[in-house]
Amino acid sequence: MSEKIIQQVLEIEKQARTIHDTAISQAEQMPAKAEQDAQDIIEKSRLAAEEEARQMIAKAQAQEETAHILAQAQENTKQKETNAAANFDRAVAYVLDRVIGRE
């Protein structure tokens, strides 16, 4: 074989070794990268779940507060209706007294 062919073969072997070493290095890094990617996905999912939980709690609290306010308003309405009925009865009695001449 000629010297030039031997040099070409050696160069090809050197390139093959470099490619092989690079592939080995990348293969060794893949599990660590996969683990990091998985941790990133888990963290993003956790944060999204926490935010969703916060929103659900806030909505539930708002609904609870709304129910409380509504119950209080209904109680106030009942009380005012009771007072209005009593005042109406007194007003009717007053008017009747005036009509029949008691006052």
PDB file of N, CA and C in Angstrom:
ATOM      1  N   MET A   1       0.831  -1.174   0.000  1.00  0.00           N
ATOM      2  CA  MET A   1       0.000   0.000   0.000  1.00  0.00           C
ATOM      3  C   MET A   1       0.877   1.239   0.000  1.00  0.00           C
ATOM      4  N   SER A   2       0.307   2.224  -0.535  1.00  0.00           N
ATOM      5  CA  SER A   2       1.109   3.438  -0.587  1.00  0.00           C
ATOM      6  C   SER A   2       0.939   4.234   0.705  1.00  0.00           C
ATOM      7  N   GLU A   3       1.869   5.068   0.939  1.00  0.00           N
ATOM      8  CA  GLU A   3       1.879   5.917   2.148  1.00  0.00           C
ATOM      9  C   GLU A   3       0.618   6.776   2.219  1.00  0.00           C
ATOM     10  N   LYS A   4       0.146   7.273   1.112  1.00  0.00           N
ATOM     11  CA  LYS A   4      -1.031   8.134   1.074  1.00  0.00           C
ATOM     12  C   LYS A   4      -2.272   7.351   1.530  1.00  0.00           C
ATOM     13  N   ILE A   5      -2.434   6.124   1.088  1.00  0.00           N
ATOM     14  CA  ILE A   5      -3.581   5.312   1.465  1.00  0.00           C
ATOM     15  C   ILE A   5      -3.523   5.003   2.951  1.00  0.00           C
ATOM     16  N   ILE A   6      -2.352   4.708   3.459  1.00  0.00           N
ATOM     17  CA  ILE A   6      -2.197   4.429   4.890  1.00  0.00           C
ATOM     18  C   ILE A   6      -2.585   5.658   5.700  1.00  0.00           C
ATOM     19  N   GLN A   7      -2.171   6.835   5.265  1.00  0.00           N
ATOM     20  CA  GLN A   7      -2.518   8.079   5.955  1.00  0.00           C
ATOM     21  C   GLN A   7      -4.039   8.299   5.928  1.00  0.00           C
ATOM     22  N   GLN A   8      -4.669   7.981   4.809  1.00  0.00           N
ATOM     23  CA  GLN A   8      -6.117   8.124   4.691  1.00  0.00           C
ATOM     24  C   GLN A   8      -6.832   7.169   5.651  1.00  0.00           C
ATOM     25  N   VAL A   9      -6.337   5.924   5.700  1.00  0.00           N
ATOM     26  CA  VAL A   9      -6.934   4.939   6.596  1.00  0.00           C
ATOM     27  C   VAL A   9      -6.776   5.392   8.046  1.00  0.00           C
ATOM     28  N   LEU A  10      -5.589   5.883   8.393  1.00  0.00           N
ATOM     29  CA  LEU A  10      -5.349   6.366   9.755  1.00  0.00           C
ATOM     30  C   LEU A  10      -6.246   7.564  10.080  1.00  0.00           C
ATOM     31  N   GLU A  11      -6.414   8.448   9.118  1.00  0.00           N
ATOM     32  CA  GLU A  11      -7.276   9.615   9.320  1.00  0.00           C
ATOM     33  C   GLU A  11      -8.724   9.173   9.504  1.00  0.00           C
ATOM     34  N   ILE A  12      -9.171   8.221   8.696  1.00  0.00           N
ATOM     35  CA  ILE A  12     -10.536   7.698   8.824  1.00  0.00           C
ATOM     36  C   ILE A  12     -10.715   7.033  10.183  1.00  0.00           C
ATOM     37  N   GLU A  13      -9.710   6.265  10.623  1.00  0.00           N
ATOM     38  CA  GLU A  13      -9.788   5.629  11.935  1.00  0.00           C
ATOM     39  C   GLU A  13      -9.851   6.682  13.047  1.00  0.00           C
ATOM     40  N   LYS A  14      -9.065   7.740  12.881  1.00  0.00           N
ATOM     41  CA  LYS A  14      -9.073   8.824  13.869  1.00  0.00           C
ATOM     42  C   LYS A  14     -10.453   9.479  13.928  1.00  0.00           C
ATOM     43  N   GLN A  15     -11.049   9.731  12.769  1.00  0.00           N
ATOM     44  CA  GLN A  15     -12.385  10.321  12.711  1.00  0.00           C
ATOM     45  C   GLN A  15     -13.416   9.368  13.328  1.00  0.00           C
ATOM     46  N   ALA A  16     -13.274   8.086  13.036  1.00  0.00           N
ATOM     47  CA  ALA A  16     -14.192   7.095  13.591  1.00  0.00           C
ATOM     48  C   ALA A  16     -14.054   7.065  15.107  1.00  0.00           C
ATOM     49  N   ARG A  17     -12.847   7.130  15.630  1.00  0.00           N
ATOM     50  CA  ARG A  17     -12.607   7.154  17.078  1.00  0.00           C
ATOM     51  C   ARG A  17     -13.244   8.404  17.703  1.00  0.00           C
ATOM     52  N   THR A  18     -13.083   9.533  17.038  1.00  0.00           N
ATOM     53  CA  THR A  18     -13.664  10.782  17.531  1.00  0.00           C
ATOM     54  C   THR A  18     -15.192  10.685  17.560  1.00  0.00           C
ATOM     55  N   ILE A  19     -15.756  10.162  16.485  1.00  0.00           N
ATOM     56  CA  ILE A  19     -17.212   9.990  16.422  1.00  0.00           C
ATOM     57  C   ILE A  19     -17.668   9.028  17.505  1.00  0.00           C
ATOM     58  N   HIS A  20     -16.914   7.927  17.674  1.00  0.00           N
ATOM     59  CA  HIS A  20     -17.258   6.926  18.700  1.00  0.00           C
ATOM     60  C   HIS A  20     -17.183   7.542  20.094  1.00  0.00           C
ATOM     61  N   ASP A  21     -16.114   8.275  20.372  1.00  0.00           N
ATOM     62  CA  ASP A  21     -15.955   8.904  21.691  1.00  0.00           C
ATOM     63  C   ASP A  21     -17.061   9.928  21.952  1.00  0.00           C
ATOM     64  N   THR A  22     -17.414  10.689  20.930  1.00  0.00           N
ATOM     65  CA  THR A  22     -18.492  11.670  21.067  1.00  0.00           C
ATOM     66  C   THR A  22     -19.815  10.959  21.355  1.00  0.00           C
ATOM     67  N   ALA A  23     -20.076   9.881  20.645  1.00  0.00           N
ATOM     68  CA  ALA A  23     -21.312   9.123  20.855  1.00  0.00           C
ATOM     69  C   ALA A  23     -21.360   8.547  22.264  1.00  0.00           C
ATOM     70  N   ILE A  24     -20.234   8.011  22.737  1.00  0.00           N
ATOM     71  CA  ILE A  24     -20.163   7.466  24.102  1.00  0.00           C
ATOM     72  C   ILE A  24     -20.426   8.572  25.115  1.00  0.00           C
ATOM     73  N   SER A  25     -19.808   9.709  24.928  1.00  0.00           N
ATOM     74  CA  SER A  25     -19.985  10.839  25.843  1.00  0.00           C
ATOM     75  C   SER A  25     -21.448  11.288  25.879  1.00  0.00           C
ATOM     76  N   GLN A  26     -22.038  11.403  24.706  1.00  0.00           N
ATOM     77  CA  GLN A  26     -23.452  11.801  24.644  1.00  0.00           C
ATOM     78  C   GLN A  26     -24.343  10.751  25.289  1.00  0.00           C
ATOM     79  N   ALA A  27     -24.044   9.485  25.057  1.00  0.00           N
ATOM     80  CA  ALA A  27     -24.831   8.406  25.642  1.00  0.00           C
ATOM     81  C   ALA A  27     -24.729   8.429  27.161  1.00  0.00           C
ATOM     82  N   GLU A  28     -23.557   8.767  27.686  1.00  0.00           N
ATOM     83  CA  GLU A  28     -23.383   8.846  29.141  1.00  0.00           C
ATOM     84  C   GLU A  28     -24.151  10.023  29.735  1.00  0.00           C
ATOM     85  N   GLN A  29     -24.308  11.079  28.965  1.00  0.00           N
ATOM     86  CA  GLN A  29     -25.025  12.262  29.449  1.00  0.00           C
ATOM     87  C   GLN A  29     -26.545  12.114  29.337  1.00  0.00           C
ATOM     88  N   MET A  30     -27.026  11.216  28.510  1.00  0.00           N
ATOM     89  CA  MET A  30     -28.467  11.081  28.269  1.00  0.00           C
ATOM     90  C   MET A  30     -29.265  10.754  29.523  1.00  0.00           C
ATOM     91  N   PRO A  31     -28.849   9.800  30.368  1.00  0.00           N
ATOM     92  CA  PRO A  31     -29.652   9.537  31.576  1.00  0.00           C
ATOM     93  C   PRO A  31     -29.763  10.756  32.491  1.00  0.00           C
ATOM     94  N   ALA A  32     -28.676  11.486  32.651  1.00  0.00           N
ATOM     95  CA  ALA A  32     -28.712  12.674  33.507  1.00  0.00           C
ATOM     96  C   ALA A  32     -29.630  13.733  32.899  1.00  0.00           C
ATOM     97  N   LYS A  33     -29.547  13.907  31.587  1.00  0.00           N
ATOM     98  CA  LYS A  33     -30.415  14.885  30.927  1.00  0.00           C
ATOM     99  C   LYS A  33     -31.868  14.443  31.019  1.00  0.00           C
ATOM    100  N   ALA A  34     -32.130  13.162  30.819  1.00  0.00           N
ATOM    101  CA  ALA A  34     -33.498  12.653  30.924  1.00  0.00           C
ATOM    102  C   ALA A  34     -34.028  12.857  32.336  1.00  0.00           C
ATOM    103  N   GLU A  35     -33.189  12.606  33.343  1.00  0.00           N
ATOM    104  CA  GLU A  35     -33.590  12.809  34.742  1.00  0.00           C
ATOM    105  C   GLU A  35     -33.899  14.282  34.994  1.00  0.00           C
ATOM    106  N   GLN A  36     -33.061  15.177  34.485  1.00  0.00           N
ATOM    107  CA  GLN A  36     -33.297  16.613  34.659  1.00  0.00           C
ATOM    108  C   GLN A  36     -34.574  17.044  33.955  1.00  0.00           C
ATOM    109  N   ASP A  37     -34.785  16.547  32.740  1.00  0.00           N
ATOM    110  CA  ASP A  37     -36.008  16.875  32.007  1.00  0.00           C
ATOM    111  C   ASP A  37     -37.237  16.385  32.775  1.00  0.00           C
ATOM    112  N   ALA A  38     -37.147  15.177  33.317  1.00  0.00           N
ATOM    113  CA  ALA A  38     -38.261  14.631  34.091  1.00  0.00           C
ATOM    114  C   ALA A  38     -38.519  15.484  35.329  1.00  0.00           C
ATOM    115  N   GLN A  39     -37.466  15.899  36.011  1.00  0.00           N
ATOM    116  CA  GLN A  39     -37.620  16.758  37.192  1.00  0.00           C
ATOM    117  C   GLN A  39     -38.254  18.093  36.815  1.00  0.00           C
ATOM    118  N   ASP A  40     -37.856  18.642  35.671  1.00  0.00           N
ATOM    119  CA  ASP A  40     -38.450  19.900  35.202  1.00  0.00           C
ATOM    120  C   ASP A  40     -39.947  19.728  34.934  1.00  0.00           C
ATOM    121  N   ILE A  41     -40.306  18.627  34.296  1.00  0.00           N
ATOM    122  CA  ILE A  41     -41.719  18.363  34.006  1.00  0.00           C
ATOM    123  C   ILE A  41     -42.499  18.184  35.305  1.00  0.00           C
ATOM    124  N   ILE A  42     -41.918  17.449  36.254  1.00  0.00           N
ATOM    125  CA  ILE A  42     -42.576  17.237  37.548  1.00  0.00           C
ATOM    126  C   ILE A  42     -42.777  18.573  38.259  1.00  0.00           C
ATOM    127  N   GLU A  43     -41.755  19.415  38.246  1.00  0.00           N
ATOM    128  CA  GLU A  43     -41.849  20.717  38.918  1.00  0.00           C
ATOM    129  C   GLU A  43     -42.920  21.593  38.268  1.00  0.00           C
ATOM    130  N   LYS A  44     -42.948  21.612  36.929  1.00  0.00           N
ATOM    131  CA  LYS A  44     -43.965  22.408  36.230  1.00  0.00           C
ATOM    132  C   LYS A  44     -45.364  21.881  36.548  1.00  0.00           C
ATOM    133  N   SER A  45     -45.500  20.567  36.581  1.00  0.00           N
ATOM    134  CA  SER A  45     -46.799  19.969  36.903  1.00  0.00           C
ATOM    135  C   SER A  45     -47.208  20.303  38.332  1.00  0.00           C
ATOM    136  N   ARG A  46     -46.252  20.244  39.255  1.00  0.00           N
ATOM    137  CA  ARG A  46     -46.536  20.564  40.658  1.00  0.00           C
ATOM    138  C   ARG A  46     -46.992  22.011  40.789  1.00  0.00           C
ATOM    139  N   LEU A  47     -46.276  22.919  40.134  1.00  0.00           N
ATOM    140  CA  LEU A  47     -46.645  24.329  40.207  1.00  0.00           C
ATOM    141  C   LEU A  47     -48.032  24.570  39.602  1.00  0.00           C
ATOM    142  N   ALA A  48     -48.320  23.911  38.488  1.00  0.00           N
ATOM    143  CA  ALA A  48     -49.636  24.065  37.857  1.00  0.00           C
ATOM    144  C   ALA A  48     -50.728  23.514  38.777  1.00  0.00           C
ATOM    145  N   ALA A  49     -50.465  22.386  39.412  1.00  0.00           N
ATOM    146  CA  ALA A  49     -51.451  21.792  40.328  1.00  0.00           C
ATOM    147  C   ALA A  49     -51.675  22.697  41.536  1.00  0.00           C
ATOM    148  N   GLU A  50     -50.602  23.280  42.066  1.00  0.00           N
ATOM    149  CA  GLU A  50     -50.741  24.199  43.205  1.00  0.00           C
ATOM    150  C   GLU A  50     -51.564  25.416  42.821  1.00  0.00           C
ATOM    151  N   GLU A  51     -51.317  25.953  41.636  1.00  0.00           N
ATOM    152  CA  GLU A  51     -52.069  27.130  41.181  1.00  0.00           C
ATOM    153  C   GLU A  51     -53.547  26.775  40.998  1.00  0.00           C
ATOM    154  N   GLU A  52     -53.796  25.620  40.413  1.00  0.00           N
ATOM    155  CA  GLU A  52     -55.174  25.185  40.229  1.00  0.00           C
ATOM    156  C   GLU A  52     -55.856  24.988  41.581  1.00  0.00           C
ATOM    157  N   ALA A  53     -55.129  24.427  42.545  1.00  0.00           N
ATOM    158  CA  ALA A  53     -55.688  24.234  43.888  1.00  0.00           C
ATOM    159  C   ALA A  53     -55.994  25.586  44.537  1.00  0.00           C
ATOM    160  N   ARG A  54     -55.078  26.547  44.379  1.00  0.00           N
ATOM    161  CA  ARG A  54     -55.313  27.891  44.926  1.00  0.00           C
ATOM    162  C   ARG A  54     -56.575  28.501  44.325  1.00  0.00           C
ATOM    163  N   GLN A  55     -56.732  28.358  43.018  1.00  0.00           N
ATOM    164  CA  GLN A  55     -57.908  28.920  42.355  1.00  0.00           C
ATOM    165  C   GLN A  55     -59.190  28.234  42.826  1.00  0.00           C
ATOM    166  N   MET A  56     -59.116  26.914  43.004  1.00  0.00           N
ATOM    167  CA  MET A  56     -60.293  26.185  43.475  1.00  0.00           C
ATOM    168  C   MET A  56     -60.655  26.607  44.895  1.00  0.00           C
ATOM    169  N   ILE A  57     -59.645  26.778  45.745  1.00  0.00           N
ATOM    170  CA  ILE A  57     -59.888  27.211  47.128  1.00  0.00           C
ATOM    171  C   ILE A  57     -60.485  28.615  47.139  1.00  0.00           C
ATOM    172  N   ALA A  58     -59.916  29.489  46.326  1.00  0.00           N
ATOM    173  CA  ALA A  58     -60.433  30.859  46.263  1.00  0.00           C
ATOM    174  C   ALA A  58     -61.880  30.861  45.779  1.00  0.00           C
ATOM    175  N   LYS A  59     -62.172  30.041  44.792  1.00  0.00           N
ATOM    176  CA  LYS A  59     -63.545  29.965  44.278  1.00  0.00           C
ATOM    177  C   LYS A  59     -64.482  29.419  45.352  1.00  0.00           C
ATOM    178  N   ALA A  60     -64.029  28.379  46.059  1.00  0.00           N
ATOM    179  CA  ALA A  60     -64.859  27.793  47.118  1.00  0.00           C
ATOM    180  C   ALA A  60     -65.094  28.810  48.231  1.00  0.00           C
ATOM    181  N   GLN A  61     -64.045  29.556  48.591  1.00  0.00           N
ATOM    182  CA  GLN A  61     -64.194  30.570  49.630  1.00  0.00           C
ATOM    183  C   GLN A  61     -65.152  31.662  49.168  1.00  0.00           C
ATOM    184  N   ALA A  62     -65.042  32.044  47.907  1.00  0.00           N
ATOM    185  CA  ALA A  62     -65.942  33.070  47.377  1.00  0.00           C
ATOM    186  C   ALA A  62     -67.383  32.561  47.394  1.00  0.00           C
ATOM    187  N   GLN A  63     -67.570  31.299  47.037  1.00  0.00           N
ATOM    188  CA  GLN A  63     -68.916  30.739  47.056  1.00  0.00           C
ATOM    189  C   GLN A  63     -69.444  30.664  48.485  1.00  0.00           C
ATOM    190  N   GLU A  64     -68.570  30.289  49.422  1.00  0.00           N
ATOM    191  CA  GLU A  64     -68.971  30.222  50.833  1.00  0.00           C
ATOM    192  C   GLU A  64     -69.334  31.605  51.342  1.00  0.00           C
ATOM    193  N   GLU A  65     -68.515  32.583  50.979  1.00  0.00           N
ATOM    194  CA  GLU A  65     -68.789  33.959  51.405  1.00  0.00           C
ATOM    195  C   GLU A  65     -70.091  34.459  50.778  1.00  0.00           C
ATOM    196  N   THR A  66     -70.292  34.131  49.517  1.00  0.00           N
ATOM    197  CA  THR A  66     -71.530  34.519  48.843  1.00  0.00           C
ATOM    198  C   THR A  66     -72.732  33.890  49.526  1.00  0.00           C
ATOM    199  N   ALA A  67     -72.622  32.611  49.881  1.00  0.00           N
ATOM    200  CA  ALA A  67     -73.720  31.934  50.565  1.00  0.00           C
ATOM    201  C   ALA A  67     -73.990  32.581  51.916  1.00  0.00           C
ATOM    202  N   HIS A  68     -72.923  32.954  52.618  1.00  0.00           N
ATOM    203  CA  HIS A  68     -73.080  33.615  53.923  1.00  0.00           C
ATOM    204  C   HIS A  68     -73.784  34.961  53.757  1.00  0.00           C
ATOM    205  N   ILE A  69     -73.344  35.738  52.780  1.00  0.00           N
ATOM    206  CA  ILE A  69     -73.953  37.054  52.536  1.00  0.00           C
ATOM    207  C   ILE A  69     -75.414  36.885  52.136  1.00  0.00           C
ATOM    208  N   LEU A  70     -75.694  35.893  51.288  1.00  0.00           N
ATOM    209  CA  LEU A  70     -77.066  35.651  50.872  1.00  0.00           C
ATOM    210  C   LEU A  70     -77.941  35.256  52.060  1.00  0.00           C
ATOM    211  N   ALA A  71     -77.425  34.388  52.924  1.00  0.00           N
ATOM    212  CA  ALA A  71     -78.194  33.977  54.111  1.00  0.00           C
ATOM    213  C   ALA A  71     -78.454  35.177  55.013  1.00  0.00           C
ATOM    214  N   GLN A  72     -77.451  36.023  55.176  1.00  0.00           N
ATOM    215  CA  GLN A  72     -77.604  37.211  56.005  1.00  0.00           C
ATOM    216  C   GLN A  72     -78.635  38.159  55.385  1.00  0.00           C
ATOM    217  N   ALA A  73     -78.587  38.312  54.069  1.00  0.00           N
ATOM    218  CA  ALA A  73     -79.551  39.186  53.392  1.00  0.00           C
ATOM    219  C   ALA A  73     -80.968  38.628  53.527  1.00  0.00           C
ATOM    220  N   GLN A  74     -81.085  37.314  53.422  1.00  0.00           N
ATOM    221  CA  GLN A  74     -82.411  36.711  53.590  1.00  0.00           C
ATOM    222  C   GLN A  74     -82.927  36.919  55.007  1.00  0.00           C
ATOM    223  N   GLU A  75     -82.067  36.794  55.992  1.00  0.00           N
ATOM    224  CA  GLU A  75     -82.460  37.033  57.388  1.00  0.00           C
ATOM    225  C   GLU A  75     -82.895  38.482  57.575  1.00  0.00           C
ATOM    226  N   ASN A  76     -82.123  39.416  57.005  1.00  0.00           N
ATOM    227  CA  ASN A  76     -82.496  40.836  57.086  1.00  0.00           C
ATOM    228  C   ASN A  76     -83.827  41.092  56.404  1.00  0.00           C
ATOM    229  N   THR A  77     -84.054  40.437  55.267  1.00  0.00           N
ATOM    230  CA  THR A  77     -85.317  40.604  54.548  1.00  0.00           C
ATOM    231  C   THR A  77     -86.479  40.090  55.388  1.00  0.00           C
ATOM    232  N   LYS A  78     -86.311  38.937  55.998  1.00  0.00           N
ATOM    233  CA  LYS A  78     -87.360  38.387  56.852  1.00  0.00           C
ATOM    234  C   LYS A  78     -87.671  39.326  58.006  1.00  0.00           C
ATOM    235  N   GLN A  79     -86.626  39.863  58.617  1.00  0.00           N
ATOM    236  CA  GLN A  79     -86.809  40.778  59.743  1.00  0.00           C
ATOM    237  C   GLN A  79     -87.550  42.031  59.284  1.00  0.00           C
ATOM    238  N   LYS A  80     -87.177  42.568  58.137  1.00  0.00           N
ATOM    239  CA  LYS A  80     -87.848  43.766  57.626  1.00  0.00           C
ATOM    240  C   LYS A  80     -89.296  43.462  57.242  1.00  0.00           C
ATOM    241  N   GLU A  81     -89.529  42.265  56.690  1.00  0.00           N
ATOM    242  CA  GLU A  81     -90.910  41.889  56.368  1.00  0.00           C
ATOM    243  C   GLU A  81     -91.746  41.773  57.638  1.00  0.00           C
ATOM    244  N   THR A  82     -91.159  41.212  58.690  1.00  0.00           N
ATOM    245  CA  THR A  82     -91.864  41.106  59.974  1.00  0.00           C
ATOM    246  C   THR A  82     -92.175  42.495  60.521  1.00  0.00           C
ATOM    247  N   ASN A  83     -91.179  43.373  60.496  1.00  0.00           N
ATOM    248  CA  ASN A  83     -91.389  44.757  60.956  1.00  0.00           C
ATOM    249  C   ASN A  83     -92.423  45.468  60.092  1.00  0.00           C
ATOM    250  N   ALA A  84     -92.362  45.250  58.784  1.00  0.00           N
ATOM    251  CA  ALA A  84     -93.311  45.899  57.886  1.00  0.00           C
ATOM    252  C   ALA A  84     -94.724  45.402  58.161  1.00  0.00           C
ATOM    253  N   ALA A  85     -94.865  44.099  58.398  1.00  0.00           N
ATOM    254  CA  ALA A  85     -96.195  43.554  58.703  1.00  0.00           C
ATOM    255  C   ALA A  85     -96.724  44.145  59.994  1.00  0.00           C
ATOM    256  N   ALA A  86     -95.879  44.269  61.006  1.00  0.00           N
ATOM    257  CA  ALA A  86     -96.308  44.856  62.278  1.00  0.00           C
ATOM    258  C   ALA A  86     -96.693  46.315  62.078  1.00  0.00           C
ATOM    259  N   ASN A  87     -95.874  47.036  61.338  1.00  0.00           N
ATOM    260  CA  ASN A  87     -96.189  48.447  61.072  1.00  0.00           C
ATOM    261  C   ASN A  87     -97.460  48.583  60.249  1.00  0.00           C
ATOM    262  N   PHE A  88     -97.669  47.659  59.324  1.00  0.00           N
ATOM    263  CA  PHE A  88     -98.885  47.689  58.522  1.00  0.00           C
ATOM    264  C   PHE A  88    -100.106  47.470  59.410  1.00  0.00           C
ATOM    265  N   ASP A  89    -100.002  46.493  60.305  1.00  0.00           N
ATOM    266  CA  ASP A  89    -101.122  46.234  61.231  1.00  0.00           C
ATOM    267  C   ASP A  89    -101.402  47.465  62.083  1.00  0.00           C
ATOM    268  N   ARG A  90    -100.353  48.103  62.562  1.00  0.00           N
ATOM    269  CA  ARG A  90    -100.544  49.324  63.370  1.00  0.00           C
ATOM    270  C   ARG A  90    -101.161  50.435  62.536  1.00  0.00           C
ATOM    271  N   ALA A  91    -100.721  50.549  61.268  1.00  0.00           N
ATOM    272  CA  ALA A  91    -101.248  51.599  60.385  1.00  0.00           C
ATOM    273  C   ALA A  91    -102.722  51.347  60.088  1.00  0.00           C
ATOM    274  N   VAL A  92    -103.075  50.096  59.844  1.00  0.00           N
ATOM    275  CA  VAL A  92    -104.483  49.767  59.580  1.00  0.00           C
ATOM    276  C   VAL A  92    -105.326  50.079  60.808  1.00  0.00           C
ATOM    277  N   ALA A  93    -104.825  49.698  61.977  1.00  0.00           N
ATOM    278  CA  ALA A  93    -105.562  49.963  63.213  1.00  0.00           C
ATOM    279  C   ALA A  93    -105.724  51.461  63.411  1.00  0.00           C
ATOM    280  N   TYR A  94    -104.690  52.240  63.132  1.00  0.00           N
ATOM    281  CA  TYR A  94    -104.754  53.697  63.272  1.00  0.00           C
ATOM    282  C   TYR A  94    -105.800  54.282  62.334  1.00  0.00           C
ATOM    283  N   VAL A  95    -105.735  53.824  61.064  1.00  0.00           N
ATOM    284  CA  VAL A  95    -106.687  54.346  60.078  1.00  0.00           C
ATOM    285  C   VAL A  95    -108.126  53.984  60.490  1.00  0.00           C
ATOM    286  N   LEU A  96    -108.331  52.747  60.908  1.00  0.00           N
ATOM    287  CA  LEU A  96    -109.677  52.347  61.340  1.00  0.00           C
ATOM    288  C   LEU A  96    -110.140  53.152  62.543  1.00  0.00           C
ATOM    289  N   ASP A  97    -109.236  53.369  63.483  1.00  0.00           N
ATOM    290  CA  ASP A  97    -109.595  54.214  64.639  1.00  0.00           C
ATOM    291  C   ASP A  97    -109.995  55.612  64.187  1.00  0.00           C
ATOM    292  N   ARG A  98    -109.278  56.142  63.226  1.00  0.00           N
ATOM    293  CA  ARG A  98    -109.573  57.494  62.728  1.00  0.00           C
ATOM    294  C   ARG A  98    -110.929  57.492  62.008  1.00  0.00           C
ATOM    295  N   VAL A  99    -111.173  56.429  61.226  1.00  0.00           N
ATOM    296  CA  VAL A  99    -112.413  56.380  60.460  1.00  0.00           C
ATOM    297  C   VAL A  99    -113.616  56.242  61.388  1.00  0.00           C
ATOM    298  N   ILE A 100    -113.499  55.394  62.376  1.00  0.00           N
ATOM    299  CA  ILE A 100    -114.662  55.190  63.265  1.00  0.00           C
ATOM    300  C   ILE A 100    -114.705  56.228  64.375  1.00  0.00           C
ATOM    301  N   GLY A 101    -113.726  57.093  64.389  1.00  0.00           N
ATOM    302  CA  GLY A 101    -113.763  58.240  65.281  1.00  0.00           C
ATOM    303  C   GLY A 101    -113.251  58.002  66.680  1.00  0.00           C
ATOM    304  N   ARG A 102    -112.459  57.055  66.898  1.00  0.00           N
ATOM    305  CA  ARG A 102    -111.902  56.825  68.232  1.00  0.00           C
ATOM    306  C   ARG A 102    -110.791  57.828  68.549  1.00  0.00           C
ATOM    307  N   GLU A 103    -110.157  58.369  67.593  1.00  0.00           N
ATOM    308  CA  GLU A 103    -109.070  59.316  67.848  1.00  0.00           C
ATOM    309  C   GLU A 103    -109.422  60.673  67.364  1.00  0.00           C
TER     310      GLU A 103
END
